Amino acid sequence: MEEFNLIVAQQPQWIQVWMNILSFGAFALPISLLIWRQTRLTAIITVLGSVLAGMGVLFVFNQLGYVRLMGLGHAVFWTPLAYYLFRQQARNDMPVAPKWIIRVVLLTIAISLAFDYVDVIRYLLGDRTPVPLPA
C-alpha cells in the first residue's frame, strides 16, 4: 500500500485531487447513510463494495505494478454496485437527503468507472506497459 501511495504521489496533481474525491465519495460519504433506517443496508453494501474494489485494485498493483488493468477491481465490484445505487436512489420510501447522498456516491463511482473501463479495454487491446510516471 505504501508503494502504491508513493506512485500516486508522483502522478499529476489532478490525479491526486481525484483520488481524494474518490476516497471521500466512495468510502467516507456512504457511511453517512447509516443515519437513516431506510439506507443502513445501502451504506453497508456500498462501503463493502468499495473496500472490495480497492482491494482488487491493490491486488492487480501487487501482481503487475502500476498498469491500466488496475481498474478491473473497480469494474468488477462497482458496476453492480452502481446499478444497485441507481435503484436505491429511485425508491419512493427514501428521504430526500439520502437520495442526494446516494446520487453523489453514484456519480463519483460512475466517473471512476468511465476511466477504469477505458484503461481496462486499453490493457486488453495490448497496451500493457506500466502507466508512465512524470519525469
N, C-alpha and C. Protein backbone atom coordinates (compact mmCIF):
# COMPACT_ATOMS: atom_id res chain seq x y z
N MET A 1 0.83 -1.20 0.00
CA MET A 1 0.00 0.00 0.00
C MET A 1 0.87 1.26 0.00
N GLU A 2 1.96 1.21 0.75
CA GLU A 2 2.85 2.37 0.81
C GLU A 2 3.45 2.66 -0.55
N GLU A 3 3.86 1.62 -1.27
CA GLU A 3 4.43 1.81 -2.61
C GLU A 3 3.38 2.41 -3.55
N PHE A 4 2.15 1.94 -3.45
CA PHE A 4 1.07 2.47 -4.27
C PHE A 4 0.88 3.97 -3.99
N ASN A 5 0.85 4.34 -2.72
CA ASN A 5 0.69 5.74 -2.34
C ASN A 5 1.85 6.60 -2.85
N LEU A 6 3.06 6.06 -2.83
CA LEU A 6 4.21 6.81 -3.35
C LEU A 6 4.08 7.05 -4.85
N ILE A 7 3.59 6.06 -5.57
CA ILE A 7 3.42 6.21 -7.01
C ILE A 7 2.30 7.22 -7.30
N VAL A 8 1.21 7.13 -6.56
CA VAL A 8 0.12 8.10 -6.75
C VAL A 8 0.62 9.52 -6.47
N ALA A 9 1.46 9.67 -5.47
CA ALA A 9 2.01 10.99 -5.13
C ALA A 9 2.87 11.56 -6.25
N GLN A 10 3.36 10.71 -7.16
CA GLN A 10 4.17 11.16 -8.28
C GLN A 10 3.33 11.49 -9.52
N GLN A 11 2.04 11.21 -9.44
CA GLN A 11 1.15 11.47 -10.57
C GLN A 11 0.83 12.96 -10.67
N PRO A 12 0.28 13.39 -11.81
CA PRO A 12 -0.12 14.79 -11.94
C PRO A 12 -1.10 15.20 -10.84
N GLN A 13 -1.11 16.47 -10.53
CA GLN A 13 -1.92 16.99 -9.43
C GLN A 13 -3.39 16.63 -9.56
N TRP A 14 -3.94 16.63 -10.77
CA TRP A 14 -5.36 16.35 -10.93
C TRP A 14 -5.68 14.92 -10.51
N ILE A 15 -4.76 13.99 -10.72
CA ILE A 15 -4.99 12.60 -10.29
C ILE A 15 -5.00 12.52 -8.76
N GLN A 16 -4.11 13.25 -8.13
CA GLN A 16 -4.07 13.26 -6.66
C GLN A 16 -5.36 13.86 -6.09
N VAL A 17 -5.84 14.94 -6.71
CA VAL A 17 -7.10 15.54 -6.28
C VAL A 17 -8.24 14.56 -6.49
N TRP A 18 -8.25 13.91 -7.66
CA TRP A 18 -9.30 12.93 -7.95
C TRP A 18 -9.28 11.78 -6.93
N MET A 19 -8.11 11.32 -6.56
CA MET A 19 -8.02 10.23 -5.57
C MET A 19 -8.66 10.65 -4.24
N ASN A 20 -8.48 11.91 -3.86
CA ASN A 20 -9.11 12.40 -2.63
C ASN A 20 -10.63 12.47 -2.78
N ILE A 21 -11.10 12.95 -3.92
CA ILE A 21 -12.54 13.00 -4.17
C ILE A 21 -13.11 11.58 -4.17
N LEU A 22 -12.42 10.68 -4.83
CA LEU A 22 -12.85 9.28 -4.90
C LEU A 22 -12.91 8.66 -3.51
N SER A 23 -11.91 8.90 -2.70
CA SER A 23 -11.91 8.35 -1.33
C SER A 23 -13.09 8.88 -0.53
N PHE A 24 -13.36 10.16 -0.67
CA PHE A 24 -14.49 10.75 0.05
C PHE A 24 -15.81 10.20 -0.49
N GLY A 25 -15.99 10.24 -1.81
CA GLY A 25 -17.26 9.88 -2.41
C GLY A 25 -17.60 8.41 -2.36
N ALA A 26 -16.61 7.55 -2.41
CA ALA A 26 -16.88 6.11 -2.46
C ALA A 26 -16.67 5.40 -1.13
N PHE A 27 -15.96 6.03 -0.20
CA PHE A 27 -15.68 5.37 1.07
C PHE A 27 -16.27 6.10 2.27
N ALA A 28 -16.02 7.40 2.36
CA ALA A 28 -16.45 8.16 3.55
C ALA A 28 -17.93 8.55 3.48
N LEU A 29 -18.35 9.13 2.38
CA LEU A 29 -19.73 9.62 2.26
C LEU A 29 -20.78 8.52 2.46
N PRO A 30 -20.58 7.32 1.95
CA PRO A 30 -21.59 6.28 2.17
C PRO A 30 -21.82 5.95 3.65
N ILE A 31 -20.84 6.19 4.48
CA ILE A 31 -21.02 5.92 5.92
C ILE A 31 -22.13 6.79 6.49
N SER A 32 -22.32 7.99 5.93
CA SER A 32 -23.39 8.87 6.42
C SER A 32 -24.77 8.26 6.19
N LEU A 33 -24.89 7.31 5.30
CA LEU A 33 -26.18 6.67 5.05
C LEU A 33 -26.63 5.79 6.21
N LEU A 34 -25.75 5.55 7.16
CA LEU A 34 -26.14 4.79 8.35
C LEU A 34 -27.13 5.56 9.22
N ILE A 35 -27.24 6.87 9.01
CA ILE A 35 -28.14 7.70 9.81
C ILE A 35 -29.60 7.29 9.62
N TRP A 36 -30.00 6.99 8.40
CA TRP A 36 -31.40 6.70 8.09
C TRP A 36 -31.64 5.19 8.08
N ARG A 37 -32.74 4.80 8.68
CA ARG A 37 -33.13 3.39 8.72
C ARG A 37 -33.23 2.82 7.31
N GLN A 38 -33.78 3.60 6.38
CA GLN A 38 -34.01 3.12 5.02
C GLN A 38 -32.72 2.88 4.24
N THR A 39 -31.62 3.45 4.70
CA THR A 39 -30.38 3.34 3.91
C THR A 39 -29.25 2.64 4.64
N ARG A 40 -29.53 2.05 5.77
CA ARG A 40 -28.44 1.38 6.51
C ARG A 40 -27.85 0.22 5.71
N LEU A 41 -28.69 -0.59 5.11
CA LEU A 41 -28.17 -1.70 4.30
C LEU A 41 -27.42 -1.17 3.08
N THR A 42 -27.93 -0.09 2.49
CA THR A 42 -27.25 0.53 1.35
C THR A 42 -25.86 1.01 1.77
N ALA A 43 -25.75 1.58 2.95
CA ALA A 43 -24.45 2.05 3.45
C ALA A 43 -23.48 0.89 3.57
N ILE A 44 -23.93 -0.19 4.16
CA ILE A 44 -23.06 -1.35 4.38
C ILE A 44 -22.63 -1.96 3.04
N ILE A 45 -23.58 -2.12 2.12
CA ILE A 45 -23.27 -2.70 0.82
C ILE A 45 -22.29 -1.80 0.05
N THR A 46 -22.50 -0.49 0.13
CA THR A 46 -21.64 0.44 -0.61
C THR A 46 -20.22 0.45 -0.05
N VAL A 47 -20.09 0.52 1.26
CA VAL A 47 -18.75 0.51 1.85
C VAL A 47 -18.06 -0.83 1.56
N LEU A 48 -18.78 -1.91 1.70
CA LEU A 48 -18.20 -3.23 1.41
C LEU A 48 -17.76 -3.32 -0.06
N GLY A 49 -18.62 -2.85 -0.98
CA GLY A 49 -18.27 -2.86 -2.40
C GLY A 49 -17.04 -2.02 -2.69
N SER A 50 -16.93 -0.87 -2.02
CA SER A 50 -15.77 -0.01 -2.24
C SER A 50 -14.49 -0.60 -1.65
N VAL A 51 -14.61 -1.24 -0.51
CA VAL A 51 -13.44 -1.90 0.07
C VAL A 51 -12.97 -3.03 -0.84
N LEU A 52 -13.90 -3.83 -1.33
CA LEU A 52 -13.54 -4.92 -2.24
C LEU A 52 -12.94 -4.37 -3.54
N ALA A 53 -13.50 -3.28 -4.06
CA ALA A 53 -12.96 -2.67 -5.28
C ALA A 53 -11.53 -2.18 -5.03
N GLY A 54 -11.31 -1.54 -3.90
CA GLY A 54 -9.97 -1.08 -3.54
C GLY A 54 -8.99 -2.23 -3.39
N MET A 55 -9.46 -3.31 -2.77
CA MET A 55 -8.60 -4.49 -2.64
C MET A 55 -8.26 -5.08 -4.01
N GLY A 56 -9.23 -5.04 -4.92
CA GLY A 56 -8.99 -5.53 -6.28
C GLY A 56 -7.94 -4.71 -7.00
N VAL A 57 -8.01 -3.40 -6.83
CA VAL A 57 -7.01 -2.51 -7.44
C VAL A 57 -5.63 -2.82 -6.87
N LEU A 58 -5.54 -2.94 -5.55
CA LEU A 58 -4.25 -3.22 -4.92
C LEU A 58 -3.73 -4.61 -5.27
N PHE A 59 -4.62 -5.58 -5.45
CA PHE A 59 -4.20 -6.92 -5.84
C PHE A 59 -3.51 -6.87 -7.21
N VAL A 60 -4.16 -6.20 -8.17
CA VAL A 60 -3.56 -6.10 -9.51
C VAL A 60 -2.24 -5.33 -9.43
N PHE A 61 -2.21 -4.25 -8.64
CA PHE A 61 -0.98 -3.48 -8.48
C PHE A 61 0.14 -4.36 -7.93
N ASN A 62 -0.15 -5.15 -6.91
CA ASN A 62 0.87 -6.00 -6.31
C ASN A 62 1.34 -7.10 -7.26
N GLN A 63 0.47 -7.54 -8.16
CA GLN A 63 0.84 -8.59 -9.10
C GLN A 63 1.56 -8.07 -10.35
N LEU A 64 1.08 -6.93 -10.87
CA LEU A 64 1.56 -6.46 -12.17
C LEU A 64 2.19 -5.07 -12.16
N GLY A 65 2.06 -4.36 -11.05
CA GLY A 65 2.57 -2.99 -11.00
C GLY A 65 1.49 -1.99 -11.36
N TYR A 66 1.92 -0.78 -11.63
CA TYR A 66 1.01 0.33 -11.92
C TYR A 66 0.61 0.28 -13.39
N VAL A 67 -0.30 -0.64 -13.72
CA VAL A 67 -0.73 -0.85 -15.10
C VAL A 67 -2.21 -0.51 -15.25
N ARG A 68 -2.65 -0.39 -16.47
CA ARG A 68 -4.04 0.00 -16.75
C ARG A 68 -5.06 -1.02 -16.26
N LEU A 69 -4.66 -2.24 -16.07
CA LEU A 69 -5.58 -3.28 -15.62
C LEU A 69 -6.04 -3.09 -14.17
N MET A 70 -5.41 -2.16 -13.44
CA MET A 70 -5.82 -1.93 -12.05
C MET A 70 -7.29 -1.54 -11.96
N GLY A 71 -7.84 -0.93 -12.99
CA GLY A 71 -9.25 -0.54 -12.99
C GLY A 71 -10.20 -1.72 -12.98
N LEU A 72 -9.69 -2.91 -13.22
CA LEU A 72 -10.54 -4.10 -13.22
C LEU A 72 -11.21 -4.32 -11.87
N GLY A 73 -10.50 -4.03 -10.78
CA GLY A 73 -11.09 -4.16 -9.45
C GLY A 73 -12.31 -3.29 -9.28
N HIS A 74 -12.22 -2.07 -9.77
CA HIS A 74 -13.38 -1.17 -9.72
C HIS A 74 -14.50 -1.70 -10.61
N ALA A 75 -14.15 -2.10 -11.83
CA ALA A 75 -15.16 -2.54 -12.79
C ALA A 75 -15.95 -3.74 -12.26
N VAL A 76 -15.25 -4.69 -11.66
CA VAL A 76 -15.91 -5.91 -11.18
C VAL A 76 -16.88 -5.61 -10.03
N PHE A 77 -16.46 -4.80 -9.09
CA PHE A 77 -17.28 -4.58 -7.90
C PHE A 77 -18.20 -3.36 -8.02
N TRP A 78 -17.77 -2.33 -8.72
CA TRP A 78 -18.58 -1.11 -8.78
C TRP A 78 -19.64 -1.13 -9.86
N THR A 79 -19.51 -1.95 -10.89
CA THR A 79 -20.55 -1.99 -11.91
C THR A 79 -21.87 -2.47 -11.31
N PRO A 80 -21.91 -3.60 -10.61
CA PRO A 80 -23.19 -3.97 -9.99
C PRO A 80 -23.59 -3.02 -8.87
N LEU A 81 -22.61 -2.46 -8.16
CA LEU A 81 -22.93 -1.50 -7.10
C LEU A 81 -23.59 -0.26 -7.69
N ALA A 82 -23.11 0.22 -8.82
CA ALA A 82 -23.70 1.40 -9.46
C ALA A 82 -25.15 1.13 -9.83
N TYR A 83 -25.43 -0.04 -10.35
CA TYR A 83 -26.82 -0.40 -10.68
C TYR A 83 -27.67 -0.42 -9.41
N TYR A 84 -27.15 -1.03 -8.37
CA TYR A 84 -27.86 -1.10 -7.09
C TYR A 84 -28.13 0.31 -6.55
N LEU A 85 -27.14 1.18 -6.58
CA LEU A 85 -27.32 2.55 -6.08
C LEU A 85 -28.33 3.31 -6.92
N PHE A 86 -28.30 3.10 -8.23
CA PHE A 86 -29.29 3.74 -9.10
C PHE A 86 -30.69 3.34 -8.69
N ARG A 87 -30.88 2.07 -8.41
CA ARG A 87 -32.20 1.58 -7.98
C ARG A 87 -32.58 2.14 -6.61
N GLN A 88 -31.62 2.25 -5.70
CA GLN A 88 -31.89 2.74 -4.35
C GLN A 88 -32.31 4.21 -4.35
N GLN A 89 -31.65 5.03 -5.15
CA GLN A 89 -31.97 6.45 -5.16
C GLN A 89 -33.35 6.72 -5.74
N ALA A 90 -33.93 5.75 -6.43
CA ALA A 90 -35.25 5.91 -7.03
C ALA A 90 -36.38 5.41 -6.13
N ARG A 91 -36.04 4.87 -4.99
CA ARG A 91 -37.07 4.33 -4.10
C ARG A 91 -38.01 5.43 -3.61
N ASN A 92 -39.29 5.12 -3.52
CA ASN A 92 -40.29 6.09 -3.06
C ASN A 92 -40.23 6.33 -1.56
N ASP A 93 -39.77 5.35 -0.80
CA ASP A 93 -39.74 5.49 0.67
C ASP A 93 -38.45 6.16 1.16
N MET A 94 -37.63 6.63 0.24
CA MET A 94 -36.34 7.21 0.58
C MET A 94 -36.48 8.70 0.87
N PRO A 95 -36.00 9.16 2.05
CA PRO A 95 -35.99 10.61 2.31
C PRO A 95 -35.10 11.33 1.30
N VAL A 96 -35.31 12.62 1.15
CA VAL A 96 -34.61 13.41 0.14
C VAL A 96 -33.10 13.45 0.38
N ALA A 97 -32.67 13.69 1.60
CA ALA A 97 -31.22 13.83 1.87
C ALA A 97 -30.42 12.59 1.49
N PRO A 98 -30.83 11.39 1.90
CA PRO A 98 -30.05 10.23 1.48
C PRO A 98 -30.12 9.96 -0.03
N LYS A 99 -31.23 10.36 -0.67
CA LYS A 99 -31.28 10.22 -2.13
C LYS A 99 -30.14 11.01 -2.77
N TRP A 100 -29.92 12.23 -2.30
CA TRP A 100 -28.86 13.07 -2.87
C TRP A 100 -27.47 12.54 -2.51
N ILE A 101 -27.33 12.00 -1.32
CA ILE A 101 -26.04 11.39 -0.94
C ILE A 101 -25.75 10.21 -1.86
N ILE A 102 -26.75 9.36 -2.08
CA ILE A 102 -26.57 8.21 -2.97
C ILE A 102 -26.23 8.68 -4.37
N ARG A 103 -26.86 9.75 -4.83
CA ARG A 103 -26.57 10.27 -6.18
C ARG A 103 -25.14 10.77 -6.29
N VAL A 104 -24.63 11.42 -5.25
CA VAL A 104 -23.24 11.89 -5.27
C VAL A 104 -22.28 10.69 -5.28
N VAL A 105 -22.58 9.69 -4.46
CA VAL A 105 -21.75 8.48 -4.44
C VAL A 105 -21.79 7.81 -5.81
N LEU A 106 -22.99 7.69 -6.37
CA LEU A 106 -23.15 7.07 -7.68
C LEU A 106 -22.40 7.84 -8.76
N LEU A 107 -22.48 9.15 -8.75
CA LEU A 107 -21.75 9.96 -9.72
C LEU A 107 -20.24 9.77 -9.59
N THR A 108 -19.76 9.74 -8.36
CA THR A 108 -18.34 9.53 -8.12
C THR A 108 -17.88 8.19 -8.68
N ILE A 109 -18.63 7.15 -8.37
CA ILE A 109 -18.29 5.81 -8.86
C ILE A 109 -18.39 5.75 -10.39
N ALA A 110 -19.41 6.38 -10.96
CA ALA A 110 -19.59 6.35 -12.41
C ALA A 110 -18.43 7.05 -13.14
N ILE A 111 -17.98 8.17 -12.61
CA ILE A 111 -16.84 8.86 -13.22
C ILE A 111 -15.60 7.97 -13.16
N SER A 112 -15.38 7.35 -12.02
CA SER A 112 -14.24 6.45 -11.89
C SER A 112 -14.36 5.28 -12.87
N LEU A 113 -15.56 4.72 -12.98
CA LEU A 113 -15.76 3.59 -13.89
C LEU A 113 -15.49 3.98 -15.34
N ALA A 114 -15.80 5.21 -15.72
CA ALA A 114 -15.52 5.65 -17.09
C ALA A 114 -14.02 5.57 -17.37
N PHE A 115 -13.21 6.07 -16.44
CA PHE A 115 -11.75 5.97 -16.58
C PHE A 115 -11.31 4.50 -16.55
N ASP A 116 -11.88 3.74 -15.62
CA ASP A 116 -11.48 2.35 -15.43
C ASP A 116 -11.77 1.50 -16.66
N TYR A 117 -12.97 1.65 -17.24
CA TYR A 117 -13.31 0.87 -18.43
C TYR A 117 -12.36 1.19 -19.58
N VAL A 118 -12.06 2.45 -19.78
CA VAL A 118 -11.13 2.83 -20.85
C VAL A 118 -9.77 2.18 -20.60
N ASP A 119 -9.29 2.26 -19.36
CA ASP A 119 -7.98 1.68 -19.04
C ASP A 119 -7.97 0.16 -19.22
N VAL A 120 -9.00 -0.51 -18.74
CA VAL A 120 -9.05 -1.98 -18.84
C VAL A 120 -9.12 -2.39 -20.31
N ILE A 121 -9.94 -1.70 -21.10
CA ILE A 121 -10.04 -2.02 -22.52
C ILE A 121 -8.70 -1.80 -23.22
N ARG A 122 -8.04 -0.69 -22.90
CA ARG A 122 -6.72 -0.44 -23.50
C ARG A 122 -5.74 -1.57 -23.14
N TYR A 123 -5.80 -2.02 -21.89
CA TYR A 123 -4.92 -3.10 -21.46
C TYR A 123 -5.23 -4.38 -22.25
N LEU A 124 -6.52 -4.71 -22.35
CA LEU A 124 -6.91 -5.93 -23.05
C LEU A 124 -6.59 -5.86 -24.54
N LEU A 125 -6.53 -4.65 -25.09
CA LEU A 125 -6.17 -4.49 -26.50
C LEU A 125 -4.67 -4.44 -26.73
N GLY A 126 -3.89 -4.61 -25.66
CA GLY A 126 -2.45 -4.74 -25.82
C GLY A 126 -1.60 -3.65 -25.20
N ASP A 127 -2.20 -2.62 -24.64
CA ASP A 127 -1.42 -1.54 -24.01
C ASP A 127 -1.04 -2.00 -22.60
N ARG A 128 0.00 -2.80 -22.52
CA ARG A 128 0.37 -3.44 -21.26
C ARG A 128 1.57 -2.78 -20.59
N THR A 129 2.03 -1.68 -21.12
CA THR A 129 3.16 -1.01 -20.50
C THR A 129 2.69 -0.34 -19.21
N PRO A 130 3.57 -0.28 -18.22
CA PRO A 130 3.18 0.40 -16.99
C PRO A 130 2.79 1.85 -17.28
N VAL A 131 1.86 2.36 -16.48
CA VAL A 131 1.44 3.75 -16.63
C VAL A 131 2.67 4.61 -16.35
N PRO A 132 3.00 5.52 -17.28
CA PRO A 132 4.23 6.30 -17.10
C PRO A 132 4.14 7.25 -15.91
N LEU A 133 5.25 7.41 -15.24
CA LEU A 133 5.36 8.36 -14.15
C LEU A 133 5.97 9.64 -14.69
N PRO A 134 5.58 10.79 -14.14
CA PRO A 134 6.20 12.05 -14.59
C PRO A 134 7.70 12.03 -14.32
N ALA A 135 8.42 12.72 -15.18
CA ALA A 135 9.88 12.77 -15.02
C ALA A 135 10.27 13.68 -13.88
